[in-house]
Structure formats: structure tokens, C-alpha cells
Amino acid sequence: MNTRNFEANYSKASGILFLGIILLIMSIVVILFGISDMNYYIIFIGTVSIILFGKEVFHIVNNMKVKDSWIVFSLTDEGINDVSLSISPGIIRWDTISKIKIRRTFGTEFLAVYLIDWKEISAELSILKCTVMYFNVLLRFAPINIAINRLDIKATDILEEINNYRTKLESQ
């Protein structure tokens, strides 16, 4: 079966990049305040923020400039390949997914991917990706959430396409 890519709208992605740059600048300001007050706790928070936001800004710029298109996620025979963020888990195998639904939180639509056993999948991931998954579960969200508001396709159409893709795979 063919791979189905879901690509970001560049104007929406540019807004996300702009927000990431602002957060990166704010992180630098936090470090400068921490250095001026010699507050190691604030310096630590600023450093962690710079690492996280810097990594995401780099990921977005890399996807927007280096590649022909910014693929948010793909449907493959193996599963859903989530490459929306640098902290995304990558391939989520179909046999590990219990259900998929659309979730709206703070004005953002997410593709909420619920797993049969999220701890099993998290064991294969990096510490940072595992931590993100853990906090999603702790906050009563799905272990994997893919922001879909930057796509040009309606959330219900995405969900229908995923269900059709999965049905075709199961019938083969």
C-alpha cells in the first residue's frame, strides 16, 4: 500500500516558527536574569528552555527549508509515522494503537493516539520522548498527540482517512 503524507501549511508553520523564536529569545532573557541575580535555579530553567526551544526551532527550520515539504505525519503499512516535532515518537505501529480520536485543547486540535500499552512503546524511546509521553498520560491526555491545526485538511477528514487506511490494511 502507498504511504500517505500529511503536510503542513507553510503559512501556519511560519507562525509556529515565529512563536518558537520568541520563546527561544525569552529563554535567553531568563538566563540573563538568572546570571545577574546569581540564581542557579533560574539559570537552569533558562538553559533547559533554550535546549528544548532551540531544538524545536531547528527542527522546524530544517523541515521548512531543507525538505520539499514539512510532513507532519504519514500513514504507512507499518503504522503512523509522527515526525511533527523533534520529540515525536516516530513510527507508532498499528498493532500498538487501541484508538485514535480528535481532541481539542486550548483551541488546538490534536490527533490523540491511544496505545494498548504505552509503557512498552516508551521503553524504545529516548528519555526526553518518554518523559513527554509520561506527562501526557499524567495529565490525562493520550500518550501521543499530534497537532493537526497546521494542516489544510479538516480533522474529521483526517480521522476518516486514517480509519479507511487501517481498514484496508486489515482486509489484506
N, C-alpha and C. Protein backbone atom coordinates (compact mmCIF):
# COMPACT_ATOMS: atom_id res chain seq x y z
N MET A 1 0.84 -1.17 0.00
CA MET A 1 0.00 0.00 0.00
C MET A 1 0.89 1.25 0.00
N ASN A 2 0.42 2.31 -0.57
CA ASN A 2 1.20 3.54 -0.64
C ASN A 2 1.24 4.28 0.69
N THR A 3 2.27 5.09 0.86
CA THR A 3 2.37 5.95 2.03
C THR A 3 1.55 7.20 1.79
N ARG A 4 0.81 7.62 2.81
CA ARG A 4 0.01 8.85 2.71
C ARG A 4 0.63 9.88 3.66
N ASN A 5 1.17 10.96 3.08
CA ASN A 5 1.79 12.02 3.88
C ASN A 5 0.80 13.14 4.15
N PHE A 6 0.81 13.66 5.36
CA PHE A 6 0.02 14.82 5.73
C PHE A 6 1.01 15.97 5.95
N GLU A 7 0.94 16.97 5.07
CA GLU A 7 1.92 18.05 5.07
C GLU A 7 1.35 19.32 5.68
N ALA A 8 2.24 20.09 6.32
CA ALA A 8 1.85 21.34 6.97
C ALA A 8 1.64 22.44 5.95
N ASN A 9 0.75 23.35 6.26
CA ASN A 9 0.55 24.57 5.52
C ASN A 9 1.68 25.52 5.92
N TYR A 10 2.42 26.04 4.94
CA TYR A 10 3.60 26.84 5.24
C TYR A 10 3.29 28.13 5.98
N SER A 11 2.15 28.75 5.71
CA SER A 11 1.84 29.99 6.42
C SER A 11 1.55 29.70 7.90
N LYS A 12 0.87 28.58 8.18
CA LYS A 12 0.62 28.19 9.57
C LYS A 12 1.92 27.76 10.24
N ALA A 13 2.76 27.06 9.52
CA ALA A 13 4.05 26.61 10.06
C ALA A 13 4.95 27.80 10.35
N SER A 14 4.87 28.85 9.54
CA SER A 14 5.67 30.06 9.78
C SER A 14 5.28 30.71 11.10
N GLY A 15 3.99 30.68 11.42
CA GLY A 15 3.53 31.21 12.70
C GLY A 15 4.10 30.43 13.86
N ILE A 16 4.17 29.11 13.72
CA ILE A 16 4.74 28.26 14.77
C ILE A 16 6.23 28.55 14.92
N LEU A 17 6.92 28.76 13.79
CA LEU A 17 8.34 29.10 13.82
C LEU A 17 8.54 30.43 14.54
N PHE A 18 7.72 31.42 14.24
CA PHE A 18 7.81 32.73 14.87
C PHE A 18 7.63 32.60 16.39
N LEU A 19 6.64 31.82 16.81
CA LEU A 19 6.40 31.59 18.23
C LEU A 19 7.61 30.90 18.88
N GLY A 20 8.18 29.93 18.19
CA GLY A 20 9.36 29.24 18.72
C GLY A 20 10.53 30.17 18.90
N ILE A 21 10.74 31.09 17.96
CA ILE A 21 11.83 32.06 18.06
C ILE A 21 11.60 33.00 19.25
N ILE A 22 10.36 33.44 19.44
CA ILE A 22 10.04 34.30 20.59
C ILE A 22 10.33 33.57 21.90
N LEU A 23 9.91 32.31 21.99
CA LEU A 23 10.17 31.53 23.21
C LEU A 23 11.67 31.31 23.43
N LEU A 24 12.41 31.14 22.35
CA LEU A 24 13.86 30.99 22.45
C LEU A 24 14.49 32.28 22.98
N ILE A 25 14.05 33.41 22.47
CA ILE A 25 14.57 34.71 22.94
C ILE A 25 14.21 34.91 24.42
N MET A 26 12.98 34.56 24.79
CA MET A 26 12.58 34.68 26.20
C MET A 26 13.43 33.79 27.10
N SER A 27 13.82 32.63 26.60
CA SER A 27 14.67 31.73 27.38
C SER A 27 16.05 32.36 27.61
N ILE A 28 16.55 33.05 26.61
CA ILE A 28 17.84 33.75 26.75
C ILE A 28 17.71 34.86 27.79
N VAL A 29 16.60 35.58 27.76
CA VAL A 29 16.35 36.64 28.76
C VAL A 29 16.30 36.05 30.17
N VAL A 30 15.66 34.89 30.31
CA VAL A 30 15.58 34.22 31.62
C VAL A 30 16.98 33.89 32.11
N ILE A 31 17.84 33.38 31.24
CA ILE A 31 19.23 33.08 31.64
C ILE A 31 19.95 34.35 32.07
N LEU A 32 19.79 35.42 31.31
CA LEU A 32 20.46 36.68 31.66
C LEU A 32 20.01 37.20 33.02
N PHE A 33 18.70 37.09 33.32
CA PHE A 33 18.22 37.48 34.65
C PHE A 33 18.81 36.57 35.72
N GLY A 34 18.90 35.29 35.44
CA GLY A 34 19.48 34.35 36.40
C GLY A 34 20.94 34.64 36.67
N ILE A 35 21.68 35.00 35.62
CA ILE A 35 23.10 35.32 35.77
C ILE A 35 23.27 36.60 36.59
N SER A 36 22.43 37.61 36.29
CA SER A 36 22.56 38.89 37.01
C SER A 36 22.22 38.74 38.49
N ASP A 37 21.31 37.84 38.84
CA ASP A 37 20.95 37.60 40.24
C ASP A 37 21.73 36.45 40.86
N MET A 38 22.54 35.78 40.07
CA MET A 38 23.27 34.58 40.50
C MET A 38 22.31 33.53 41.09
N ASN A 39 21.18 33.36 40.42
CA ASN A 39 20.17 32.40 40.82
C ASN A 39 20.32 31.17 39.92
N TYR A 40 20.91 30.12 40.48
CA TYR A 40 21.21 28.93 39.68
C TYR A 40 19.95 28.19 39.22
N TYR A 41 18.89 28.30 39.99
CA TYR A 41 17.62 27.68 39.61
C TYR A 41 17.09 28.31 38.33
N ILE A 42 17.10 29.62 38.24
CA ILE A 42 16.62 30.33 37.05
C ILE A 42 17.56 30.09 35.87
N ILE A 43 18.85 30.02 36.13
CA ILE A 43 19.81 29.71 35.06
C ILE A 43 19.52 28.32 34.50
N PHE A 44 19.22 27.37 35.39
CA PHE A 44 18.90 26.00 34.96
C PHE A 44 17.64 25.98 34.10
N ILE A 45 16.59 26.67 34.54
CA ILE A 45 15.34 26.73 33.78
C ILE A 45 15.57 27.36 32.41
N GLY A 46 16.34 28.44 32.37
CA GLY A 46 16.65 29.09 31.10
C GLY A 46 17.43 28.18 30.17
N THR A 47 18.38 27.45 30.72
CA THR A 47 19.20 26.54 29.92
C THR A 47 18.35 25.41 29.33
N VAL A 48 17.50 24.81 30.15
CA VAL A 48 16.62 23.74 29.67
C VAL A 48 15.68 24.29 28.59
N SER A 49 15.16 25.49 28.81
CA SER A 49 14.26 26.10 27.83
C SER A 49 14.97 26.36 26.51
N ILE A 50 16.19 26.85 26.58
CA ILE A 50 16.95 27.10 25.35
C ILE A 50 17.18 25.80 24.59
N ILE A 51 17.51 24.75 25.31
CA ILE A 51 17.75 23.46 24.65
C ILE A 51 16.47 22.96 23.98
N LEU A 52 15.34 23.00 24.70
CA LEU A 52 14.08 22.49 24.13
C LEU A 52 13.59 23.36 22.97
N PHE A 53 13.52 24.67 23.20
CA PHE A 53 13.00 25.55 22.15
C PHE A 53 13.98 25.65 20.98
N GLY A 54 15.26 25.63 21.26
CA GLY A 54 16.26 25.67 20.19
C GLY A 54 16.17 24.43 19.31
N LYS A 55 15.97 23.29 19.94
CA LYS A 55 15.84 22.03 19.20
C LYS A 55 14.60 22.07 18.30
N GLU A 56 13.49 22.61 18.81
CA GLU A 56 12.26 22.69 18.01
C GLU A 56 12.39 23.69 16.87
N VAL A 57 13.00 24.85 17.14
CA VAL A 57 13.20 25.85 16.09
C VAL A 57 14.07 25.25 14.98
N PHE A 58 15.13 24.57 15.37
CA PHE A 58 16.00 23.91 14.38
C PHE A 58 15.22 22.88 13.58
N HIS A 59 14.39 22.10 14.25
CA HIS A 59 13.58 21.06 13.59
C HIS A 59 12.64 21.69 12.56
N ILE A 60 11.99 22.78 12.95
CA ILE A 60 11.04 23.45 12.05
C ILE A 60 11.78 24.05 10.86
N VAL A 61 12.88 24.76 11.12
CA VAL A 61 13.65 25.37 10.03
C VAL A 61 14.17 24.29 9.09
N ASN A 62 14.67 23.21 9.65
CA ASN A 62 15.18 22.10 8.84
C ASN A 62 14.09 21.54 7.94
N ASN A 63 12.91 21.34 8.50
CA ASN A 63 11.81 20.79 7.70
C ASN A 63 11.29 21.76 6.66
N MET A 64 11.29 23.05 6.97
CA MET A 64 10.75 24.04 6.04
C MET A 64 11.73 24.37 4.91
N LYS A 65 13.01 24.38 5.18
CA LYS A 65 13.99 24.83 4.19
C LYS A 65 14.70 23.70 3.46
N VAL A 66 15.04 22.64 4.17
CA VAL A 66 15.84 21.57 3.58
C VAL A 66 14.99 20.63 2.74
N LYS A 67 13.81 20.30 3.23
CA LYS A 67 12.96 19.34 2.53
C LYS A 67 11.98 20.07 1.63
N ASP A 68 11.41 19.34 0.68
CA ASP A 68 10.43 19.92 -0.23
C ASP A 68 9.15 20.31 0.49
N SER A 69 8.80 19.56 1.53
CA SER A 69 7.58 19.85 2.27
C SER A 69 7.78 19.43 3.73
N TRP A 70 7.01 20.05 4.59
CA TRP A 70 7.08 19.70 6.01
C TRP A 70 6.01 18.66 6.28
N ILE A 71 6.42 17.42 6.39
CA ILE A 71 5.50 16.33 6.67
C ILE A 71 5.27 16.28 8.17
N VAL A 72 4.01 16.37 8.58
CA VAL A 72 3.66 16.33 9.99
C VAL A 72 3.58 14.87 10.45
N PHE A 73 2.87 14.05 9.68
CA PHE A 73 2.85 12.61 9.95
C PHE A 73 2.48 11.88 8.67
N SER A 74 2.74 10.58 8.66
CA SER A 74 2.46 9.74 7.50
C SER A 74 1.75 8.47 7.94
N LEU A 75 0.96 7.94 7.03
CA LEU A 75 0.36 6.62 7.23
C LEU A 75 1.14 5.64 6.37
N THR A 76 1.64 4.59 6.98
CA THR A 76 2.38 3.57 6.26
C THR A 76 1.81 2.20 6.61
N ASP A 77 2.28 1.17 5.94
CA ASP A 77 1.85 -0.19 6.26
C ASP A 77 2.25 -0.56 7.69
N GLU A 78 3.32 0.03 8.16
CA GLU A 78 3.83 -0.28 9.49
C GLU A 78 3.03 0.42 10.59
N GLY A 79 2.58 1.65 10.31
CA GLY A 79 1.84 2.41 11.32
C GLY A 79 1.80 3.89 10.98
N ILE A 80 1.61 4.70 12.01
CA ILE A 80 1.61 6.15 11.85
C ILE A 80 3.01 6.64 12.16
N ASN A 81 3.61 7.37 11.23
CA ASN A 81 4.95 7.91 11.43
C ASN A 81 4.82 9.38 11.82
N ASP A 82 4.94 9.65 13.11
CA ASP A 82 4.80 11.00 13.65
C ASP A 82 6.15 11.69 13.64
N VAL A 83 6.31 12.69 12.77
CA VAL A 83 7.55 13.46 12.69
C VAL A 83 7.25 14.95 12.86
N SER A 84 6.17 15.26 13.57
CA SER A 84 5.72 16.64 13.70
C SER A 84 6.68 17.49 14.53
N LEU A 85 7.31 16.92 15.53
CA LEU A 85 8.25 17.64 16.39
C LEU A 85 9.50 16.80 16.58
N SER A 86 10.54 17.44 17.09
CA SER A 86 11.77 16.67 17.34
C SER A 86 11.59 15.69 18.49
N ILE A 87 10.57 15.90 19.32
CA ILE A 87 10.31 15.00 20.45
C ILE A 87 9.19 14.00 20.13
N SER A 88 8.80 13.93 18.87
CA SER A 88 7.77 12.97 18.45
C SER A 88 8.34 11.55 18.46
N PRO A 89 7.49 10.56 18.69
CA PRO A 89 7.99 9.19 18.85
C PRO A 89 8.43 8.49 17.57
N GLY A 90 8.06 9.02 16.41
CA GLY A 90 8.40 8.33 15.17
C GLY A 90 7.30 7.36 14.79
N ILE A 91 7.64 6.12 14.45
CA ILE A 91 6.62 5.16 14.00
C ILE A 91 5.86 4.57 15.18
N ILE A 92 4.54 4.66 15.08
CA ILE A 92 3.64 4.05 16.06
C ILE A 92 2.97 2.89 15.33
N ARG A 93 3.34 1.68 15.66
CA ARG A 93 2.84 0.51 14.94
C ARG A 93 1.33 0.36 15.11
N TRP A 94 0.66 -0.09 14.05
CA TRP A 94 -0.79 -0.26 14.08
C TRP A 94 -1.22 -1.21 15.19
N ASP A 95 -0.44 -2.28 15.43
CA ASP A 95 -0.84 -3.26 16.44
C ASP A 95 -0.70 -2.75 17.88
N THR A 96 -0.11 -1.56 18.07
CA THR A 96 0.02 -1.00 19.42
C THR A 96 -1.04 0.08 19.69
N ILE A 97 -1.80 0.46 18.65
CA ILE A 97 -2.79 1.52 18.78
C ILE A 97 -4.14 0.93 19.19
N SER A 98 -4.71 1.45 20.28
CA SER A 98 -6.04 0.98 20.69
C SER A 98 -7.14 1.83 20.07
N LYS A 99 -6.95 3.15 20.03
CA LYS A 99 -7.93 4.00 19.36
C LYS A 99 -7.29 5.34 19.01
N ILE A 100 -7.94 6.00 18.05
CA ILE A 100 -7.48 7.32 17.60
C ILE A 100 -8.70 8.22 17.57
N LYS A 101 -8.57 9.40 18.14
CA LYS A 101 -9.68 10.35 18.07
C LYS A 101 -9.15 11.77 18.02
N ILE A 102 -10.03 12.70 17.72
CA ILE A 102 -9.66 14.11 17.66
C ILE A 102 -9.93 14.73 19.03
N ARG A 103 -8.97 15.48 19.51
CA ARG A 103 -9.12 16.15 20.80
C ARG A 103 -8.79 17.63 20.61
N ARG A 104 -9.61 18.48 21.19
CA ARG A 104 -9.39 19.93 21.10
C ARG A 104 -9.04 20.44 22.49
N THR A 105 -7.87 21.07 22.59
CA THR A 105 -7.40 21.62 23.86
C THR A 105 -6.83 23.00 23.62
N PHE A 106 -7.34 23.97 24.36
CA PHE A 106 -6.87 25.36 24.27
C PHE A 106 -6.86 25.87 22.82
N GLY A 107 -7.89 25.52 22.06
CA GLY A 107 -8.02 26.00 20.69
C GLY A 107 -7.19 25.26 19.65
N THR A 108 -6.48 24.24 20.07
CA THR A 108 -5.65 23.46 19.14
C THR A 108 -6.24 22.07 19.00
N GLU A 109 -6.35 21.62 17.75
CA GLU A 109 -6.85 20.26 17.51
C GLU A 109 -5.68 19.28 17.45
N PHE A 110 -5.85 18.18 18.13
CA PHE A 110 -4.84 17.14 18.18
C PHE A 110 -5.42 15.83 17.70
N LEU A 111 -4.57 15.05 17.06
CA LEU A 111 -4.89 13.67 16.76
C LEU A 111 -4.40 12.90 17.98
N ALA A 112 -5.32 12.44 18.80
CA ALA A 112 -4.98 11.74 20.04
C ALA A 112 -4.86 10.25 19.74
N VAL A 113 -3.66 9.72 19.93
CA VAL A 113 -3.39 8.31 19.64
C VAL A 113 -3.25 7.58 20.97
N TYR A 114 -4.22 6.73 21.26
CA TYR A 114 -4.21 5.94 22.49
C TYR A 114 -3.57 4.59 22.19
N LEU A 115 -2.74 4.14 23.11
CA LEU A 115 -1.97 2.91 22.90
C LEU A 115 -2.45 1.81 23.83
N ILE A 116 -2.26 0.58 23.41
CA ILE A 116 -2.62 -0.57 24.23
C ILE A 116 -1.75 -0.58 25.48
N ASP A 117 -0.46 -0.43 25.32
CA ASP A 117 0.46 -0.37 26.46
C ASP A 117 1.53 0.67 26.17
N TRP A 118 1.32 1.89 26.63
CA TRP A 118 2.24 2.98 26.31
C TRP A 118 3.61 2.78 26.96
N LYS A 119 3.68 2.03 28.07
CA LYS A 119 4.97 1.80 28.73
C LYS A 119 5.89 0.93 27.86
N GLU A 120 5.29 0.00 27.14
CA GLU A 120 6.08 -0.86 26.25
C GLU A 120 6.72 -0.03 25.13
N ILE A 121 5.96 0.88 24.56
CA ILE A 121 6.47 1.73 23.48
C ILE A 121 7.48 2.71 24.01
N SER A 122 7.23 3.26 25.19
CA SER A 122 8.14 4.27 25.75
C SER A 122 9.51 3.68 26.08
N ALA A 123 9.58 2.39 26.29
CA ALA A 123 10.86 1.74 26.58
C ALA A 123 11.81 1.81 25.38
N GLU A 124 11.25 1.95 24.17
CA GLU A 124 12.06 2.00 22.96
C GLU A 124 12.50 3.43 22.61
N LEU A 125 12.00 4.42 23.35
CA LEU A 125 12.24 5.82 23.01
C LEU A 125 13.34 6.44 23.88
N SER A 126 13.78 7.64 23.46
CA SER A 126 14.77 8.37 24.26
C SER A 126 14.12 8.85 25.55
N ILE A 127 14.93 9.26 26.49
CA ILE A 127 14.42 9.72 27.79
C ILE A 127 13.50 10.92 27.62
N LEU A 128 13.86 11.85 26.75
CA LEU A 128 13.04 13.05 26.53
C LEU A 128 11.67 12.68 25.94
N LYS A 129 11.66 11.82 24.93
CA LYS A 129 10.40 11.40 24.31
C LYS A 129 9.54 10.60 25.29
N CYS A 130 10.18 9.78 26.09
CA CYS A 130 9.48 9.00 27.11
C CYS A 130 8.86 9.92 28.17
N THR A 131 9.59 10.97 28.55
CA THR A 131 9.11 11.92 29.54
C THR A 131 7.88 12.67 29.03
N VAL A 132 7.92 13.06 27.77
CA VAL A 132 6.77 13.74 27.17
C VAL A 132 5.55 12.82 27.19
N MET A 133 5.74 11.57 26.83
CA MET A 133 4.65 10.61 26.83
C MET A 133 4.11 10.41 28.25
N TYR A 134 5.01 10.32 29.22
CA TYR A 134 4.61 10.14 30.62
C TYR A 134 3.75 11.32 31.10
N PHE A 135 4.18 12.55 30.81
CA PHE A 135 3.42 13.72 31.24
C PHE A 135 2.08 13.81 30.52
N ASN A 136 2.01 13.39 29.26
CA ASN A 136 0.71 13.35 28.58
C ASN A 136 -0.25 12.44 29.31
N VAL A 137 0.21 11.26 29.70
CA VAL A 137 -0.63 10.30 30.42
C VAL A 137 -0.98 10.85 31.81
N LEU A 138 -0.01 11.46 32.47
CA LEU A 138 -0.22 12.03 33.80
C LEU A 138 -1.30 13.12 33.77
N LEU A 139 -1.34 13.90 32.70
CA LEU A 139 -2.33 14.97 32.55
C LEU A 139 -3.64 14.47 31.93
N ARG A 140 -3.77 13.15 31.81
CA ARG A 140 -4.97 12.51 31.28
C ARG A 140 -5.22 12.79 29.79
N PHE A 141 -4.13 12.99 29.05
CA PHE A 141 -4.20 13.09 27.60
C PHE A 141 -3.82 11.74 27.02
N ALA A 142 -3.97 11.61 25.73
CA ALA A 142 -3.48 10.41 25.05
C ALA A 142 -1.95 10.42 25.14
N PRO A 143 -1.31 9.25 25.16
CA PRO A 143 0.15 9.22 25.22
C PRO A 143 0.82 9.98 24.07
N ILE A 144 0.19 9.94 22.89
CA ILE A 144 0.76 10.61 21.72
C ILE A 144 -0.29 11.55 21.16
N ASN A 145 0.08 12.82 21.02
CA ASN A 145 -0.82 13.85 20.50
C ASN A 145 -0.11 14.56 19.37
N ILE A 146 -0.74 14.57 18.21
CA ILE A 146 -0.16 15.21 17.03
C ILE A 146 -1.01 16.43 16.71
N ALA A 147 -0.41 17.62 16.79
CA ALA A 147 -1.14 18.85 16.47
C ALA A 147 -1.46 18.87 14.98
N ILE A 148 -2.74 18.99 14.67
CA ILE A 148 -3.16 18.94 13.27
C ILE A 148 -3.72 20.27 12.79
N ASN A 149 -3.68 21.29 13.61
CA ASN A 149 -4.24 22.58 13.19
C ASN A 149 -3.40 23.27 12.12
N ARG A 150 -2.20 22.81 11.88
CA ARG A 150 -1.36 23.42 10.82
C ARG A 150 -1.53 22.73 9.47
N LEU A 151 -2.45 21.76 9.41
CA LEU A 151 -2.74 21.07 8.15
C LEU A 151 -3.90 21.76 7.44
N ASP A 152 -3.99 21.56 6.13
CA ASP A 152 -5.07 22.17 5.34
C ASP A 152 -6.29 21.27 5.22
N ILE A 153 -6.35 20.21 5.96
CA ILE A 153 -7.44 19.25 5.87
C ILE A 153 -8.19 19.24 7.20
N LYS A 154 -9.50 19.04 7.14
CA LYS A 154 -10.32 19.03 8.35
C LYS A 154 -9.98 17.83 9.22
N ALA A 155 -10.14 18.01 10.53
CA ALA A 155 -9.83 16.95 11.49
C ALA A 155 -10.67 15.71 11.24
N THR A 156 -11.94 15.89 10.94
CA THR A 156 -12.81 14.73 10.69
C THR A 156 -12.38 13.97 9.44
N ASP A 157 -11.90 14.70 8.44
CA ASP A 157 -11.41 14.05 7.22
C ASP A 157 -10.14 13.26 7.49
N ILE A 158 -9.28 13.80 8.34
CA ILE A 158 -8.05 13.09 8.71
C ILE A 158 -8.40 11.78 9.41
N LEU A 159 -9.29 11.87 10.37
CA LEU A 159 -9.68 10.68 11.13
C LEU A 159 -10.33 9.63 10.21
N GLU A 160 -11.17 10.08 9.30
CA GLU A 160 -11.81 9.17 8.35
C GLU A 160 -10.76 8.51 7.45
N GLU A 161 -9.79 9.29 7.00
CA GLU A 161 -8.73 8.75 6.14
C GLU A 161 -7.89 7.71 6.89
N ILE A 162 -7.59 7.98 8.14
CA ILE A 162 -6.82 7.03 8.96
C ILE A 162 -7.61 5.73 9.13
N ASN A 163 -8.89 5.86 9.47
CA ASN A 163 -9.72 4.66 9.65
C ASN A 163 -9.85 3.86 8.36
N ASN A 164 -10.01 4.53 7.22
CA ASN A 164 -10.07 3.84 5.93
C ASN A 164 -8.76 3.14 5.62
N TYR A 165 -7.65 3.80 5.89
CA TYR A 165 -6.32 3.23 5.63
C TYR A 165 -6.13 1.97 6.48
N ARG A 166 -6.49 2.08 7.74
CA ARG A 166 -6.34 0.95 8.66
C ARG A 166 -7.24 -0.22 8.26
N THR A 167 -8.46 0.09 7.84
CA THR A 167 -9.39 -0.95 7.39
C THR A 167 -8.85 -1.68 6.17
N LYS A 168 -8.30 -0.94 5.22
CA LYS A 168 -7.72 -1.55 4.00
C LYS A 168 -6.56 -2.46 4.37
N LEU A 169 -5.74 -2.04 5.33
CA LEU A 169 -4.61 -2.87 5.75
C LEU A 169 -5.10 -4.17 6.39
N GLU A 170 -6.11 -4.07 7.23
CA GLU A 170 -6.62 -5.26 7.92
C GLU A 170 -7.30 -6.23 6.98
N SER A 171 -7.84 -5.72 5.87
CA SER A 171 -8.52 -6.61 4.92
C SER A 171 -7.55 -7.33 3.98
N GLN A 172 -6.30 -6.90 3.96
CA GLN A 172 -5.30 -7.54 3.08
C GLN A 172 -4.76 -8.82 3.68
